[in-house]
Structures are given as C-alpha cells and as structure tokens.
Amino acid sequence: MNNEAAAIAVMRAADRIGDAALKEQLFHVIQRMNQDAAELRVVRDHVG
C-alpha cells in the first residue's frame, strides 16, 4: 500500500472515531504521510 492509499484509509478510520484528541493525532499523521508522498514524488521525478 502506498502512502496516498494509506493516508486515505487512515482518514476514513479517523472519521469514525469519537475521541477528538485521537482524531486530531490521526489527521496530523495523514498530513505527514501526504507530505512524504509529495516529497517522494519530487525525488522520483528528478531521478527518473
């Protein structure tokens, strides 16, 4: 599973969580995963 697909899966799971603090932590994880995916895409574009 790539970072983007994992981020979507985590986002869907976070939407179902009633704990606001945990939901916020998961959304921060999602943001980091999306940032990592974007950075990897840039590196691949420069290498490939």
C-alpha atoms as a PDB file:
ATOM      1  CA  MET A   1       0.000   0.000   0.000  1.00  0.00           C
ATOM      2  CA  ASN A   2       1.487   3.354  -0.946  1.00  0.00           C
ATOM      3  CA  ASN A   3       1.445   6.461   1.238  1.00  0.00           C
ATOM      4  CA  GLU A   4      -1.518   8.066  -0.519  1.00  0.00           C
ATOM      5  CA  ALA A   5      -3.699   4.969  -0.213  1.00  0.00           C
ATOM      6  CA  ALA A   6      -2.657   4.554   3.424  1.00  0.00           C
ATOM      7  CA  ALA A   7      -3.499   8.189   4.145  1.00  0.00           C
ATOM      8  CA  ILE A   8      -6.990   7.717   2.713  1.00  0.00           C
ATOM      9  CA  ALA A   9      -7.517   4.568   4.793  1.00  0.00           C
ATOM     10  CA  VAL A  10      -6.399   6.354   7.969  1.00  0.00           C
ATOM     11  CA  MET A  11      -8.605   9.352   7.162  1.00  0.00           C
ATOM     12  CA  ARG A  12     -11.650   7.109   6.786  1.00  0.00           C
ATOM     13  CA  ALA A  13     -10.861   5.395  10.089  1.00  0.00           C
ATOM     14  CA  ALA A  14     -10.328   8.745  11.834  1.00  0.00           C
ATOM     15  CA  ASP A  15     -13.740   9.943  10.685  1.00  0.00           C
ATOM     16  CA  ARG A  16     -15.332   7.075  12.643  1.00  0.00           C
ATOM     17  CA  ILE A  17     -13.512   7.801  15.906  1.00  0.00           C
ATOM     18  CA  GLY A  18     -15.404   9.625  18.643  1.00  0.00           C
ATOM     19  CA  ASP A  19     -12.254  10.645  20.536  1.00  0.00           C
ATOM     20  CA  ALA A  20     -11.435  14.169  19.323  1.00  0.00           C
ATOM     21  CA  ALA A  21      -7.810  14.084  20.533  1.00  0.00           C
ATOM     22  CA  LEU A  22      -7.110  10.778  18.777  1.00  0.00           C
ATOM     23  CA  LYS A  23      -8.830  12.028  15.634  1.00  0.00           C
ATOM     24  CA  GLU A  24      -6.595  15.122  15.619  1.00  0.00           C
ATOM     25  CA  GLN A  25      -3.471  12.962  16.053  1.00  0.00           C
ATOM     26  CA  LEU A  26      -4.520  10.785  13.141  1.00  0.00           C
ATOM     27  CA  PHE A  27      -5.145  13.803  10.933  1.00  0.00           C
ATOM     28  CA  HIS A  28      -1.603  15.010  11.717  1.00  0.00           C
ATOM     29  CA  VAL A  29      -0.292  11.581  10.693  1.00  0.00           C
ATOM     30  CA  ILE A  30      -2.262  11.874   7.455  1.00  0.00           C
ATOM     31  CA  GLN A  31      -0.756  15.284   6.747  1.00  0.00           C
ATOM     32  CA  ARG A  32       2.760  13.936   7.294  1.00  0.00           C
ATOM     33  CA  MET A  33       2.068  10.933   5.072  1.00  0.00           C
ATOM     34  CA  ASN A  34       0.792  13.174   2.288  1.00  0.00           C
ATOM     35  CA  GLN A  35       3.830  15.449   2.656  1.00  0.00           C
ATOM     36  CA  ASP A  36       6.152  12.433   2.484  1.00  0.00           C
ATOM     37  CA  ALA A  37       4.349  11.182  -0.619  1.00  0.00           C
ATOM     38  CA  ALA A  38       4.715  14.592  -2.279  1.00  0.00           C
ATOM     39  CA  GLU A  39       8.431  14.728  -1.459  1.00  0.00           C
ATOM     40  CA  LEU A  40       8.987  11.212  -2.780  1.00  0.00           C
ATOM     41  CA  ARG A  41       7.160  12.136  -5.988  1.00  0.00           C
ATOM     42  CA  VAL A  42       9.502  15.108  -6.492  1.00  0.00           C
ATOM     43  CA  VAL A  43      12.564  12.913  -5.941  1.00  0.00           C
ATOM     44  CA  ARG A  44      11.260  10.258  -8.363  1.00  0.00           C
ATOM     45  CA  ASP A  45      10.577  12.924 -10.989  1.00  0.00           C
ATOM     46  CA  HIS A  46      14.152  14.227 -10.718  1.00  0.00           C
ATOM     47  CA  VAL A  47      15.741  10.769 -10.729  1.00  0.00           C
ATOM     48  CA  GLY A  48      13.527   9.116 -13.318  1.00  0.00           C
END
